[in-house]
Amino acid sequence: MSKIQLAKRTRRTTATVASSGRPPRLQVAALCYRPTGHTFRVLLITSRDTGRWVTPKGWPMRNRTEAEAAAREAYEEAGIRGDVSTRSIGHYSYMKWLGKGRAIPCMVRVYPLRVRQVLKSYPETKQRRNKWFRPSKAARKVLEPELAALIRGFDPKGKVAAK
């Protein structure tokens, strides 16, 4: 799928989520970051299906808080270990494509995770790429406008910057 096709599909996503008539399914994501001098970097990973840049995310897990589930996804999808905040910095919506033209609306709650360790081997090592970005560039790389706004507004010292 080309970047133009992905962009068109993403622009339709917000309107589709709002008008799908179905309540969105909850997912949780980790906004992985690491301090670098006076600033910080944000980790993005590629999705398995289209290769677009995303944050580690997945479904809530039984016997884990949402924040713990987000941290688990960061480990499984990116090999990240660190300290996850128990407070979400916000959420974004998107359509999860299931194949054969089927999709479900999802609302993703985002939890900041300060990275302490990056593992070389983890469950999805061979399925994804990881890359560190300045927040402004990371915001440009993701296709979901609400996620881009969360990344741009994130401040590790205060958790969320004023909009």
Protein backbone atom coordinates (compact mmCIF):
# COMPACT_ATOMS: atom_id res chain seq x y z
CA MET A 1 0.00 0.00 0.00
CA SER A 2 1.41 3.40 -0.96
CA LYS A 3 1.77 6.34 1.44
CA ILE A 4 -0.96 8.18 -0.49
CA GLN A 5 -3.37 5.25 -0.09
CA LEU A 6 -2.54 5.04 3.62
CA ALA A 7 -3.06 8.78 4.07
CA LYS A 8 -6.47 8.64 2.36
CA ARG A 9 -7.47 5.65 4.48
CA THR A 10 -6.36 7.44 7.65
CA ARG A 11 -8.27 10.64 6.80
CA ARG A 12 -11.39 8.50 6.44
CA THR A 13 -10.64 6.81 9.78
CA THR A 14 -11.69 9.59 12.16
CA ALA A 15 -14.96 10.17 10.32
CA THR A 16 -15.57 6.43 10.07
CA VAL A 17 -14.94 5.88 13.79
CA ALA A 18 -17.39 8.66 14.60
CA SER A 19 -20.06 7.41 12.17
CA SER A 20 -19.60 3.64 12.32
CA GLY A 21 -22.56 3.20 14.67
CA ARG A 22 -20.57 0.75 16.79
CA PRO A 23 -18.95 1.66 20.09
CA PRO A 24 -15.17 1.67 19.76
CA ARG A 25 -13.12 -1.19 21.21
CA LEU A 26 -10.48 -0.19 23.76
CA GLN A 27 -6.78 -0.66 23.09
CA VAL A 28 -3.80 0.54 25.12
CA ALA A 29 -0.51 1.98 23.84
CA ALA A 30 2.87 2.88 25.26
CA LEU A 31 4.47 6.19 24.31
CA CYS A 32 8.07 5.07 24.82
CA TYR A 33 10.56 7.88 25.43
CA ARG A 34 14.13 8.35 26.61
CA PRO A 35 15.86 11.53 27.80
CA THR A 36 18.66 12.89 25.60
CA GLY A 37 20.38 15.87 27.19
CA HIS A 38 17.86 18.67 27.59
CA THR A 39 15.25 16.99 25.42
CA PHE A 40 13.98 13.47 24.69
CA ARG A 41 13.32 11.01 21.88
CA VAL A 42 10.18 9.00 21.10
CA LEU A 43 10.26 5.42 19.88
CA LEU A 44 8.11 4.41 16.92
CA ILE A 45 7.82 0.93 15.47
CA THR A 46 6.56 -0.30 12.12
CA SER A 47 3.21 -2.04 11.90
CA ARG A 48 3.37 -5.64 10.74
CA ASP A 49 0.85 -5.26 7.91
CA THR A 50 1.64 -1.95 6.17
CA GLY A 51 5.00 -0.94 7.66
CA ARG A 52 3.69 2.47 8.76
CA TRP A 53 5.04 4.11 11.94
CA VAL A 54 3.01 3.44 15.11
CA THR A 55 3.42 3.17 18.88
CA PRO A 56 3.37 -0.26 20.55
CA LYS A 57 -0.27 -1.06 21.29
CA GLY A 58 -2.68 -3.90 21.88
CA TRP A 59 -5.74 -5.11 23.71
CA PRO A 60 -6.20 -4.83 27.49
CA MET A 61 -5.07 -7.96 29.32
CA ARG A 62 -6.79 -9.95 32.03
CA ASN A 63 -5.17 -9.50 35.46
CA ARG A 64 -3.16 -6.43 34.32
CA THR A 65 -3.93 -2.75 34.56
CA GLU A 66 -4.15 -0.81 31.30
CA ALA A 67 -0.72 0.69 31.99
CA GLU A 68 0.78 -2.75 32.65
CA ALA A 69 -0.75 -4.06 29.41
CA ALA A 70 0.73 -1.11 27.50
CA ALA A 71 4.15 -1.88 29.01
CA ARG A 72 3.77 -5.53 28.01
CA GLU A 73 3.00 -4.50 24.42
CA ALA A 74 6.15 -2.32 24.42
CA TYR A 75 8.16 -5.38 25.44
CA GLU A 76 6.55 -7.77 22.94
CA GLU A 77 6.56 -5.40 19.95
CA ALA A 78 9.73 -3.35 20.58
CA GLY A 79 11.85 -5.06 23.24
CA ILE A 80 11.36 -2.15 25.65
CA ARG A 81 11.61 -2.36 29.43
CA GLY A 82 10.98 0.68 31.58
CA ASP A 83 8.76 2.62 33.95
CA VAL A 84 5.20 3.11 32.75
CA SER A 85 3.00 5.87 34.13
CA THR A 86 -0.27 4.78 35.70
CA ARG A 87 -1.90 7.90 34.19
CA SER A 88 -2.88 8.10 30.56
CA ILE A 89 -1.88 11.22 28.62
CA GLY A 90 -4.94 10.93 26.38
CA HIS A 91 -6.39 8.81 23.64
CA TYR A 92 -6.84 8.62 19.89
CA SER A 93 -9.17 6.74 17.60
CA TYR A 94 -8.60 4.71 14.46
CA MET A 95 -10.12 1.90 12.44
CA LYS A 96 -8.47 -1.49 12.90
CA TRP A 97 -8.56 -3.22 9.53
CA LEU A 98 -9.29 -6.92 9.81
CA GLY A 99 -8.96 -7.82 6.15
CA LYS A 100 -11.53 -8.45 3.42
CA GLY A 101 -12.81 -4.87 3.80
CA ARG A 102 -13.82 -5.35 7.44
CA ALA A 103 -12.81 -2.93 10.16
CA ILE A 104 -13.68 -2.13 13.76
CA PRO A 105 -13.45 1.27 15.44
CA CYS A 106 -10.87 1.45 18.23
CA MET A 107 -10.09 4.01 20.92
CA VAL A 108 -6.49 3.78 22.12
CA ARG A 109 -5.53 5.04 25.58
CA VAL A 110 -1.86 6.14 25.67
CA TYR A 111 0.50 5.65 28.63
CA PRO A 112 3.98 7.21 28.77
CA LEU A 113 6.81 4.74 29.36
CA ARG A 114 10.29 5.95 30.29
CA VAL A 115 12.69 3.49 28.65
CA ARG A 116 15.33 1.89 30.87
CA GLN A 117 16.41 -0.96 28.60
CA VAL A 118 16.17 -1.89 24.90
CA LEU A 119 16.49 -5.63 24.34
CA LYS A 120 18.07 -7.11 21.21
CA SER A 121 15.78 -10.13 21.24
CA TYR A 122 12.04 -10.01 21.98
CA PRO A 123 8.90 -11.80 20.69
CA GLU A 124 8.41 -9.68 17.53
CA THR A 125 12.10 -8.96 16.76
CA LYS A 126 11.95 -10.07 13.13
CA GLN A 127 8.51 -8.59 12.41
CA ARG A 128 9.08 -4.87 13.04
CA ARG A 129 11.61 -2.04 12.86
CA ASN A 130 12.24 0.37 15.74
CA LYS A 131 13.46 3.93 15.38
CA TRP A 132 13.95 6.87 17.76
CA PHE A 133 12.64 10.28 16.64
CA ARG A 134 12.52 13.82 17.95
CA PRO A 135 8.90 14.40 19.07
CA SER A 136 8.21 16.84 16.21
CA LYS A 137 9.38 14.30 13.62
CA ALA A 138 7.58 11.39 15.31
CA ALA A 139 4.36 13.42 15.17
CA ARG A 140 4.85 13.86 11.41
CA LYS A 141 5.54 10.15 10.90
CA VAL A 142 2.33 8.78 12.46
CA LEU A 143 -0.85 8.90 10.37
CA GLU A 144 -3.43 9.40 13.14
CA PRO A 145 -3.87 13.16 13.77
CA GLU A 146 -4.93 12.66 17.40
CA LEU A 147 -1.82 10.57 18.13
CA ALA A 148 0.35 13.19 16.44
CA ALA A 149 -1.17 15.84 18.74
CA LEU A 150 -0.46 13.70 21.82
CA ILE A 151 3.16 13.26 20.78
CA ARG A 152 3.60 16.98 20.05
CA GLY A 153 2.06 17.92 23.40
CA PHE A 154 3.91 15.37 25.52
CA ASP A 155 6.32 16.67 28.15
CA PRO A 156 8.08 13.96 30.21
CA LYS A 157 8.55 16.35 33.14
CA GLY A 158 4.90 17.35 33.29
CA LYS A 159 3.50 14.43 31.27
CA VAL A 160 1.32 16.66 29.03
CA ALA A 161 2.12 20.13 27.74
CA ALA A 162 -0.56 22.80 27.46
CA LYS A 163 -2.28 22.80 24.09
